[in-house]
Amino acid sequence: MKNLKTHKFKTTNIKGKEYIDVCERVKFLREYLDYELTTEYKFIDNLNAWVVKATLIIHTEIGGNFRTYTGLAQETIGDSFINKTSALENAETSAIGRACASAGIGLIDSIASSDEIRKANNTQYKKPELKEDTKQYEDVVKALANGYTIEQVEQKYTLTEQMKTKLS
């Protein structure tokens, strides 16, 4: 087996930190290790999301032993531009990257790969602004009448000061 500790991964700098792409981790597997990689998929209806589990088995040279590592990932259909059509593929890529990271492949400061960091930076959740004459507004009015607070509503919606005053 080659000296794995001297391998130099290509890194991607994101906001001043270095991360390693999943493709670099997979290239490392192919070049240096005897391995098996499988993925399992499940669609979660109520979340409109795919969950993927990747299992990485690395065979050792001594006595036919092996070590097993897993990675999990979830992607919601439509939560980003790419996930409108490729949520399953993104979940699989992330799960594979996390399984590799669990095995110590491509770790720098965290298990996250550059792919995961880019996704997190590009899909920061922005609460929608609550607008009058919508079903959401009617639901909020009912919720407030049933004991919800403005603070609870603000966990889901952005409210202007004018809207807060009107709903109070």
N, C-alpha and C. Protein backbone atom coordinates (compact mmCIF):
# COMPACT_ATOMS: atom_id res chain seq x y z
N MET A 1 0.85 -1.19 0.00
CA MET A 1 0.00 0.00 0.00
C MET A 1 0.89 1.24 0.00
N LYS A 2 0.49 2.25 -0.74
CA LYS A 2 1.26 3.49 -0.82
C LYS A 2 1.21 4.24 0.51
N ASN A 3 2.13 5.17 0.68
CA ASN A 3 2.13 5.97 1.91
C ASN A 3 0.99 6.99 1.83
N LEU A 4 -0.08 6.69 2.52
CA LEU A 4 -1.29 7.52 2.46
C LEU A 4 -1.10 8.88 3.10
N LYS A 5 -0.22 8.99 4.07
CA LYS A 5 -0.03 10.25 4.79
C LYS A 5 0.59 11.33 3.94
N THR A 6 1.24 10.97 2.83
CA THR A 6 1.89 11.98 1.99
C THR A 6 0.98 12.47 0.86
N HIS A 7 -0.19 11.89 0.74
CA HIS A 7 -1.11 12.31 -0.33
C HIS A 7 -1.52 13.77 -0.13
N LYS A 8 -1.46 14.54 -1.20
CA LYS A 8 -1.86 15.95 -1.15
C LYS A 8 -3.21 16.10 -1.86
N PHE A 9 -4.22 16.46 -1.09
CA PHE A 9 -5.54 16.69 -1.66
C PHE A 9 -5.60 18.09 -2.26
N LYS A 10 -6.31 18.19 -3.37
CA LYS A 10 -6.64 19.50 -3.93
C LYS A 10 -7.71 20.10 -3.03
N THR A 11 -7.54 21.33 -2.60
CA THR A 11 -8.50 21.95 -1.69
C THR A 11 -9.20 23.12 -2.37
N THR A 12 -10.30 23.51 -1.79
CA THR A 12 -11.07 24.67 -2.23
C THR A 12 -11.19 25.61 -1.04
N ASN A 13 -10.86 26.88 -1.27
CA ASN A 13 -10.94 27.87 -0.19
C ASN A 13 -12.32 28.50 -0.21
N ILE A 14 -13.00 28.40 0.93
CA ILE A 14 -14.31 29.01 1.07
C ILE A 14 -14.28 29.85 2.34
N LYS A 15 -14.40 31.15 2.15
CA LYS A 15 -14.40 32.10 3.27
C LYS A 15 -13.18 31.91 4.18
N GLY A 16 -12.01 31.71 3.57
CA GLY A 16 -10.77 31.63 4.32
C GLY A 16 -10.43 30.27 4.90
N LYS A 17 -11.28 29.26 4.68
CA LYS A 17 -10.99 27.91 5.19
C LYS A 17 -10.86 26.95 4.01
N GLU A 18 -10.00 25.97 4.16
CA GLU A 18 -9.78 24.97 3.11
C GLU A 18 -10.70 23.77 3.32
N TYR A 19 -11.32 23.33 2.23
CA TYR A 19 -12.19 22.16 2.24
C TYR A 19 -11.82 21.27 1.07
N ILE A 20 -12.21 20.02 1.15
CA ILE A 20 -11.89 19.06 0.10
C ILE A 20 -13.19 18.57 -0.54
N ASP A 21 -13.23 18.62 -1.87
CA ASP A 21 -14.40 18.16 -2.62
C ASP A 21 -14.58 16.65 -2.47
N VAL A 22 -15.82 16.20 -2.60
CA VAL A 22 -16.11 14.77 -2.53
C VAL A 22 -15.39 14.03 -3.66
N CYS A 23 -15.31 14.62 -4.83
CA CYS A 23 -14.63 13.94 -5.94
C CYS A 23 -13.17 13.67 -5.60
N GLU A 24 -12.52 14.56 -4.86
CA GLU A 24 -11.13 14.33 -4.44
C GLU A 24 -11.04 13.16 -3.46
N ARG A 25 -12.03 13.04 -2.59
CA ARG A 25 -12.05 11.93 -1.64
C ARG A 25 -12.23 10.59 -2.36
N VAL A 26 -13.11 10.58 -3.37
CA VAL A 26 -13.35 9.36 -4.14
C VAL A 26 -12.12 9.00 -4.98
N LYS A 27 -11.46 9.99 -5.56
CA LYS A 27 -10.21 9.73 -6.30
C LYS A 27 -9.18 9.07 -5.39
N PHE A 28 -9.10 9.55 -4.16
CA PHE A 28 -8.18 8.97 -3.18
C PHE A 28 -8.51 7.50 -2.94
N LEU A 29 -9.79 7.20 -2.75
CA LEU A 29 -10.21 5.81 -2.55
C LEU A 29 -9.74 4.94 -3.71
N ARG A 30 -10.02 5.39 -4.92
CA ARG A 30 -9.68 4.59 -6.11
C ARG A 30 -8.18 4.39 -6.25
N GLU A 31 -7.41 5.41 -5.91
CA GLU A 31 -5.97 5.33 -6.10
C GLU A 31 -5.26 4.48 -5.04
N TYR A 32 -5.71 4.56 -3.81
CA TYR A 32 -4.95 3.99 -2.70
C TYR A 32 -5.56 2.77 -2.02
N LEU A 33 -6.86 2.58 -2.10
CA LEU A 33 -7.49 1.60 -1.21
C LEU A 33 -8.28 0.54 -1.95
N ASP A 34 -8.41 -0.60 -1.31
CA ASP A 34 -9.31 -1.66 -1.74
C ASP A 34 -10.59 -1.43 -0.94
N TYR A 35 -11.66 -1.07 -1.61
CA TYR A 35 -12.86 -0.64 -0.89
C TYR A 35 -14.13 -1.09 -1.60
N GLU A 36 -15.22 -1.01 -0.86
CA GLU A 36 -16.57 -1.19 -1.40
C GLU A 36 -17.37 0.04 -0.96
N LEU A 37 -18.19 0.56 -1.83
CA LEU A 37 -19.01 1.72 -1.51
C LEU A 37 -20.42 1.46 -2.00
N THR A 38 -21.38 1.53 -1.08
CA THR A 38 -22.78 1.33 -1.45
C THR A 38 -23.60 2.48 -0.89
N THR A 39 -24.75 2.71 -1.53
CA THR A 39 -25.67 3.73 -1.03
C THR A 39 -27.08 3.16 -0.98
N GLU A 40 -27.85 3.66 0.00
CA GLU A 40 -29.26 3.29 0.14
C GLU A 40 -30.06 4.58 0.14
N TYR A 41 -31.24 4.55 -0.48
CA TYR A 41 -32.06 5.75 -0.63
C TYR A 41 -33.41 5.56 0.02
N LYS A 42 -33.94 6.65 0.52
CA LYS A 42 -35.32 6.63 1.03
C LYS A 42 -35.92 8.01 0.80
N PHE A 43 -37.15 8.03 0.27
CA PHE A 43 -37.86 9.30 0.09
C PHE A 43 -38.79 9.50 1.27
N ILE A 44 -38.72 10.66 1.90
CA ILE A 44 -39.57 10.99 3.05
C ILE A 44 -40.66 11.94 2.54
N ASP A 45 -41.87 11.40 2.39
CA ASP A 45 -42.96 12.17 1.78
C ASP A 45 -43.25 13.49 2.49
N ASN A 46 -43.43 13.43 3.81
CA ASN A 46 -43.86 14.64 4.51
C ASN A 46 -42.78 15.72 4.53
N LEU A 47 -41.53 15.37 4.25
CA LEU A 47 -40.46 16.37 4.14
C LEU A 47 -40.14 16.72 2.70
N ASN A 48 -40.70 15.95 1.76
CA ASN A 48 -40.39 16.11 0.34
C ASN A 48 -38.88 16.05 0.13
N ALA A 49 -38.26 15.06 0.79
CA ALA A 49 -36.81 15.00 0.82
C ALA A 49 -36.30 13.58 0.63
N TRP A 50 -35.09 13.49 0.10
CA TRP A 50 -34.37 12.24 -0.01
C TRP A 50 -33.39 12.13 1.13
N VAL A 51 -33.30 10.93 1.70
CA VAL A 51 -32.28 10.62 2.69
C VAL A 51 -31.44 9.50 2.10
N VAL A 52 -30.12 9.67 2.17
CA VAL A 52 -29.21 8.67 1.61
C VAL A 52 -28.21 8.26 2.68
N LYS A 53 -27.98 6.96 2.76
CA LYS A 53 -26.94 6.41 3.64
C LYS A 53 -25.88 5.78 2.74
N ALA A 54 -24.64 6.23 2.91
CA ALA A 54 -23.51 5.64 2.19
C ALA A 54 -22.74 4.77 3.17
N THR A 55 -22.37 3.59 2.73
CA THR A 55 -21.55 2.68 3.53
C THR A 55 -20.25 2.44 2.78
N LEU A 56 -19.15 2.73 3.45
CA LEU A 56 -17.82 2.55 2.89
C LEU A 56 -17.12 1.45 3.68
N ILE A 57 -16.72 0.42 2.97
CA ILE A 57 -15.97 -0.68 3.60
C ILE A 57 -14.56 -0.63 3.03
N ILE A 58 -13.58 -0.48 3.90
CA ILE A 58 -12.18 -0.45 3.48
C ILE A 58 -11.53 -1.75 3.94
N HIS A 59 -11.00 -2.48 2.97
CA HIS A 59 -10.33 -3.75 3.27
C HIS A 59 -8.88 -3.46 3.64
N THR A 60 -8.37 -4.17 4.62
CA THR A 60 -6.98 -3.99 5.03
C THR A 60 -6.13 -5.11 4.43
N GLU A 61 -4.82 -4.91 4.40
CA GLU A 61 -3.91 -5.91 3.84
C GLU A 61 -3.63 -7.03 4.83
N ILE A 62 -3.96 -6.84 6.08
CA ILE A 62 -3.60 -7.81 7.10
C ILE A 62 -4.80 -8.70 7.40
N GLY A 63 -4.69 -9.95 7.04
CA GLY A 63 -5.68 -10.95 7.42
C GLY A 63 -7.07 -10.77 6.83
N GLY A 64 -7.20 -10.01 5.77
CA GLY A 64 -8.50 -9.83 5.15
C GLY A 64 -9.50 -9.08 6.00
N ASN A 65 -9.03 -8.31 6.96
CA ASN A 65 -9.93 -7.53 7.81
C ASN A 65 -10.49 -6.34 7.05
N PHE A 66 -11.49 -5.73 7.62
CA PHE A 66 -12.06 -4.54 7.00
C PHE A 66 -12.61 -3.61 8.07
N ARG A 67 -12.81 -2.38 7.69
CA ARG A 67 -13.44 -1.39 8.56
C ARG A 67 -14.60 -0.77 7.80
N THR A 68 -15.66 -0.48 8.53
CA THR A 68 -16.87 0.05 7.91
C THR A 68 -17.15 1.45 8.43
N TYR A 69 -17.51 2.35 7.51
CA TYR A 69 -17.82 3.74 7.84
C TYR A 69 -19.12 4.11 7.14
N THR A 70 -19.90 4.97 7.76
CA THR A 70 -21.15 5.41 7.14
C THR A 70 -21.22 6.92 7.08
N GLY A 71 -22.06 7.39 6.18
CA GLY A 71 -22.36 8.81 6.06
C GLY A 71 -23.82 8.98 5.71
N LEU A 72 -24.47 9.94 6.30
CA LEU A 72 -25.88 10.22 6.03
C LEU A 72 -26.04 11.62 5.46
N ALA A 73 -27.02 11.79 4.60
CA ALA A 73 -27.32 13.12 4.06
C ALA A 73 -28.79 13.20 3.68
N GLN A 74 -29.31 14.42 3.73
CA GLN A 74 -30.70 14.66 3.36
C GLN A 74 -30.75 15.89 2.48
N GLU A 75 -31.54 15.84 1.44
CA GLU A 75 -31.76 16.98 0.56
C GLU A 75 -33.25 17.12 0.29
N THR A 76 -33.75 18.32 0.42
CA THR A 76 -35.16 18.61 0.18
C THR A 76 -35.34 19.05 -1.26
N ILE A 77 -36.29 18.45 -1.94
CA ILE A 77 -36.55 18.82 -3.33
C ILE A 77 -37.02 20.27 -3.38
N GLY A 78 -36.36 21.07 -4.21
CA GLY A 78 -36.75 22.45 -4.42
C GLY A 78 -36.20 23.45 -3.43
N ASP A 79 -35.37 23.04 -2.45
CA ASP A 79 -34.87 24.02 -1.49
C ASP A 79 -33.72 24.86 -2.04
N SER A 80 -33.25 24.51 -3.22
CA SER A 80 -32.25 25.31 -3.93
C SER A 80 -32.49 25.09 -5.41
N PHE A 81 -31.85 25.90 -6.23
CA PHE A 81 -32.05 25.77 -7.67
C PHE A 81 -31.68 24.36 -8.15
N ILE A 82 -30.54 23.86 -7.72
CA ILE A 82 -30.08 22.55 -8.17
C ILE A 82 -30.95 21.43 -7.62
N ASN A 83 -31.51 21.61 -6.43
CA ASN A 83 -32.34 20.56 -5.85
C ASN A 83 -33.72 20.46 -6.46
N LYS A 84 -34.06 21.35 -7.38
CA LYS A 84 -35.32 21.20 -8.10
C LYS A 84 -35.29 19.94 -8.95
N THR A 85 -34.09 19.60 -9.46
CA THR A 85 -33.97 18.43 -10.32
C THR A 85 -32.99 17.38 -9.80
N SER A 86 -32.14 17.72 -8.84
CA SER A 86 -31.04 16.82 -8.47
C SER A 86 -30.89 16.59 -6.97
N ALA A 87 -31.97 16.62 -6.24
CA ALA A 87 -31.88 16.45 -4.78
C ALA A 87 -31.31 15.08 -4.41
N LEU A 88 -31.74 14.04 -5.10
CA LEU A 88 -31.24 12.70 -4.79
C LEU A 88 -29.74 12.61 -5.06
N GLU A 89 -29.30 13.13 -6.20
CA GLU A 89 -27.87 13.08 -6.53
C GLU A 89 -27.04 13.86 -5.52
N ASN A 90 -27.53 15.01 -5.10
CA ASN A 90 -26.81 15.81 -4.11
C ASN A 90 -26.73 15.09 -2.77
N ALA A 91 -27.82 14.45 -2.38
CA ALA A 91 -27.81 13.71 -1.12
C ALA A 91 -26.81 12.55 -1.19
N GLU A 92 -26.77 11.87 -2.32
CA GLU A 92 -25.83 10.76 -2.45
C GLU A 92 -24.39 11.26 -2.38
N THR A 93 -24.09 12.33 -3.07
CA THR A 93 -22.73 12.88 -3.05
C THR A 93 -22.33 13.27 -1.63
N SER A 94 -23.22 13.94 -0.92
CA SER A 94 -22.92 14.35 0.45
C SER A 94 -22.72 13.15 1.37
N ALA A 95 -23.56 12.13 1.20
CA ALA A 95 -23.44 10.93 2.04
C ALA A 95 -22.11 10.24 1.79
N ILE A 96 -21.70 10.14 0.54
CA ILE A 96 -20.41 9.53 0.21
C ILE A 96 -19.27 10.34 0.82
N GLY A 97 -19.35 11.66 0.69
CA GLY A 97 -18.31 12.52 1.28
C GLY A 97 -18.22 12.35 2.79
N ARG A 98 -19.35 12.22 3.44
CA ARG A 98 -19.36 12.06 4.89
C ARG A 98 -18.84 10.68 5.30
N ALA A 99 -19.13 9.65 4.51
CA ALA A 99 -18.58 8.32 4.82
C ALA A 99 -17.06 8.35 4.70
N CYS A 100 -16.56 8.99 3.65
CA CYS A 100 -15.10 9.13 3.49
C CYS A 100 -14.51 9.91 4.66
N ALA A 101 -15.17 10.97 5.05
CA ALA A 101 -14.66 11.78 6.17
C ALA A 101 -14.67 10.97 7.46
N SER A 102 -15.68 10.12 7.64
CA SER A 102 -15.71 9.26 8.83
C SER A 102 -14.50 8.35 8.88
N ALA A 103 -14.00 7.99 7.71
CA ALA A 103 -12.81 7.14 7.62
C ALA A 103 -11.53 7.97 7.72
N GLY A 104 -11.67 9.29 7.84
CA GLY A 104 -10.50 10.15 7.95
C GLY A 104 -9.96 10.61 6.62
N ILE A 105 -10.68 10.36 5.55
CA ILE A 105 -10.22 10.72 4.21
C ILE A 105 -10.67 12.14 3.88
N GLY A 106 -9.70 13.01 3.67
CA GLY A 106 -10.00 14.38 3.28
C GLY A 106 -10.43 15.28 4.42
N LEU A 107 -10.02 14.98 5.62
CA LEU A 107 -10.34 15.84 6.76
C LEU A 107 -9.31 16.94 6.91
N ILE A 108 -9.78 18.14 7.15
CA ILE A 108 -8.89 19.24 7.51
C ILE A 108 -9.33 19.75 8.87
N ASP A 109 -10.42 20.51 8.88
CA ASP A 109 -10.93 21.05 10.15
C ASP A 109 -12.28 20.47 10.53
N SER A 110 -13.00 19.91 9.56
CA SER A 110 -14.33 19.39 9.85
C SER A 110 -14.66 18.28 8.87
N ILE A 111 -15.74 17.57 9.15
CA ILE A 111 -16.19 16.51 8.26
C ILE A 111 -16.78 17.08 6.98
N ALA A 112 -17.28 18.29 7.04
CA ALA A 112 -17.94 18.89 5.87
C ALA A 112 -16.98 19.00 4.69
N SER A 113 -17.48 18.67 3.52
CA SER A 113 -16.71 18.85 2.29
C SER A 113 -16.99 20.24 1.73
N SER A 114 -16.23 20.62 0.73
CA SER A 114 -16.49 21.93 0.11
C SER A 114 -17.88 21.96 -0.50
N ASP A 115 -18.36 20.81 -1.00
CA ASP A 115 -19.71 20.76 -1.58
C ASP A 115 -20.76 21.13 -0.54
N GLU A 116 -20.61 20.58 0.67
CA GLU A 116 -21.58 20.86 1.74
C GLU A 116 -21.51 22.32 2.19
N ILE A 117 -20.30 22.86 2.27
CA ILE A 117 -20.14 24.25 2.69
C ILE A 117 -20.75 25.19 1.66
N ARG A 118 -20.51 24.92 0.37
CA ARG A 118 -21.11 25.76 -0.67
C ARG A 118 -22.63 25.72 -0.58
N LYS A 119 -23.18 24.52 -0.39
CA LYS A 119 -24.63 24.39 -0.29
C LYS A 119 -25.17 25.18 0.89
N ALA A 120 -24.52 25.05 2.02
CA ALA A 120 -24.98 25.77 3.21
C ALA A 120 -24.93 27.28 2.99
N ASN A 121 -23.89 27.76 2.34
CA ASN A 121 -23.76 29.19 2.09
C ASN A 121 -24.78 29.69 1.07
N ASN A 122 -25.15 28.82 0.13
CA ASN A 122 -26.07 29.23 -0.94
C ASN A 122 -27.53 29.07 -0.58
N THR A 123 -27.83 28.33 0.48
CA THR A 123 -29.24 28.07 0.79
C THR A 123 -29.59 28.50 2.21
N GLN A 124 -28.98 29.56 2.67
CA GLN A 124 -29.34 30.05 3.99
C GLN A 124 -30.84 30.34 3.98
N TYR A 125 -31.53 29.83 4.98
CA TYR A 125 -32.97 29.96 5.03
C TYR A 125 -33.37 31.41 5.26
N LYS A 126 -34.21 31.90 4.39
CA LYS A 126 -34.76 33.24 4.53
C LYS A 126 -36.25 33.10 4.78
N LYS A 127 -36.69 33.63 5.90
CA LYS A 127 -38.11 33.54 6.23
C LYS A 127 -38.89 34.44 5.27
N PRO A 128 -40.02 33.94 4.78
CA PRO A 128 -40.83 34.79 3.91
C PRO A 128 -41.50 35.90 4.72
N GLU A 129 -41.73 37.01 4.05
CA GLU A 129 -42.46 38.11 4.71
C GLU A 129 -43.94 37.78 4.69
N LEU A 130 -44.59 37.96 5.83
CA LEU A 130 -46.01 37.71 5.93
C LEU A 130 -46.77 38.85 5.24
N LYS A 131 -47.66 38.50 4.36
CA LYS A 131 -48.44 39.50 3.61
C LYS A 131 -49.92 39.31 3.90
N GLU A 132 -50.63 40.43 3.93
CA GLU A 132 -52.09 40.37 4.11
C GLU A 132 -52.72 39.75 2.87
N ASP A 133 -53.97 39.37 2.99
CA ASP A 133 -54.73 38.78 1.88
C ASP A 133 -54.11 37.47 1.38
N THR A 134 -53.51 36.71 2.30
CA THR A 134 -52.97 35.40 1.94
C THR A 134 -53.49 34.38 2.94
N LYS A 135 -53.45 33.11 2.56
CA LYS A 135 -53.85 32.04 3.46
C LYS A 135 -52.94 32.02 4.68
N GLN A 136 -51.65 32.30 4.49
CA GLN A 136 -50.72 32.31 5.62
C GLN A 136 -51.12 33.36 6.64
N TYR A 137 -51.56 34.52 6.16
CA TYR A 137 -51.97 35.58 7.07
C TYR A 137 -53.19 35.13 7.88
N GLU A 138 -54.16 34.51 7.20
CA GLU A 138 -55.34 33.99 7.90
C GLU A 138 -54.94 32.95 8.95
N ASP A 139 -54.00 32.07 8.60
CA ASP A 139 -53.53 31.05 9.54
C ASP A 139 -52.85 31.69 10.75
N VAL A 140 -52.09 32.75 10.53
CA VAL A 140 -51.41 33.44 11.63
C VAL A 140 -52.42 34.10 12.55
N VAL A 141 -53.44 34.74 11.99
CA VAL A 141 -54.48 35.37 12.80
C VAL A 141 -55.17 34.32 13.67
N LYS A 142 -55.48 33.16 13.10
CA LYS A 142 -56.10 32.08 13.88
C LYS A 142 -55.16 31.59 14.97
N ALA A 143 -53.90 31.42 14.63
CA ALA A 143 -52.91 30.94 15.60
C ALA A 143 -52.78 31.92 16.77
N LEU A 144 -52.76 33.22 16.47
CA LEU A 144 -52.66 34.23 17.53
C LEU A 144 -53.91 34.20 18.41
N ALA A 145 -55.08 33.97 17.80
CA ALA A 145 -56.31 33.89 18.57
C ALA A 145 -56.32 32.66 19.49
N ASN A 146 -55.53 31.64 19.11
CA ASN A 146 -55.46 30.41 19.90
C ASN A 146 -54.27 30.37 20.85
N GLY A 147 -53.68 31.52 21.12
CA GLY A 147 -52.63 31.57 22.13
C GLY A 147 -51.20 31.69 21.64
N TYR A 148 -50.98 31.65 20.33
CA TYR A 148 -49.61 31.84 19.84
C TYR A 148 -49.18 33.29 20.09
N THR A 149 -47.88 33.49 20.14
CA THR A 149 -47.35 34.84 20.35
C THR A 149 -46.73 35.35 19.06
N ILE A 150 -46.52 36.65 19.01
CA ILE A 150 -45.85 37.28 17.87
C ILE A 150 -44.45 36.67 17.71
N GLU A 151 -43.78 36.40 18.82
CA GLU A 151 -42.43 35.83 18.77
C GLU A 151 -42.46 34.46 18.07
N GLN A 152 -43.49 33.68 18.34
CA GLN A 152 -43.61 32.37 17.68
C GLN A 152 -43.85 32.53 16.18
N VAL A 153 -44.67 33.51 15.82
CA VAL A 153 -44.93 33.77 14.41
C VAL A 153 -43.64 34.20 13.71
N GLU A 154 -42.82 35.00 14.41
CA GLU A 154 -41.57 35.49 13.81
C GLU A 154 -40.53 34.39 13.60
N GLN A 155 -40.73 33.24 14.20
CA GLN A 155 -39.83 32.12 13.92
C GLN A 155 -40.06 31.58 12.51
N LYS A 156 -41.25 31.81 11.97
CA LYS A 156 -41.58 31.31 10.64
C LYS A 156 -41.64 32.41 9.59
N TYR A 157 -42.04 33.62 9.99
CA TYR A 157 -42.23 34.70 9.03
C TYR A 157 -41.47 35.95 9.46
N THR A 158 -41.09 36.76 8.47
CA THR A 158 -40.56 38.08 8.74
C THR A 158 -41.75 39.02 8.83
N LEU A 159 -41.81 39.80 9.91
CA LEU A 159 -42.91 40.74 10.10
C LEU A 159 -42.37 42.17 10.13
N THR A 160 -43.02 43.05 9.38
CA THR A 160 -42.67 44.46 9.48
C THR A 160 -43.22 44.99 10.80
N GLU A 161 -42.71 46.13 11.24
CA GLU A 161 -43.23 46.73 12.48
C GLU A 161 -44.71 47.04 12.34
N GLN A 162 -45.13 47.48 11.17
CA GLN A 162 -46.53 47.77 10.91
C GLN A 162 -47.38 46.50 11.05
N MET A 163 -46.88 45.38 10.53
CA MET A 163 -47.60 44.11 10.61
C MET A 163 -47.69 43.65 12.08
N LYS A 164 -46.61 43.82 12.83
CA LYS A 164 -46.62 43.44 14.25
C LYS A 164 -47.69 44.23 15.00
N THR A 165 -47.74 45.51 14.74
CA THR A 165 -48.73 46.36 15.40
C THR A 165 -50.15 45.92 15.04
N LYS A 166 -50.37 45.63 13.78
CA LYS A 166 -51.69 45.23 13.32
C LYS A 166 -52.12 43.90 13.94
N LEU A 167 -51.18 42.97 14.09
CA LEU A 167 -51.51 41.65 14.63
C LEU A 167 -51.60 41.63 16.16
N SER A 168 -51.01 42.61 16.82
CA SER A 168 -51.01 42.63 18.31
C SER A 168 -52.35 43.00 18.87
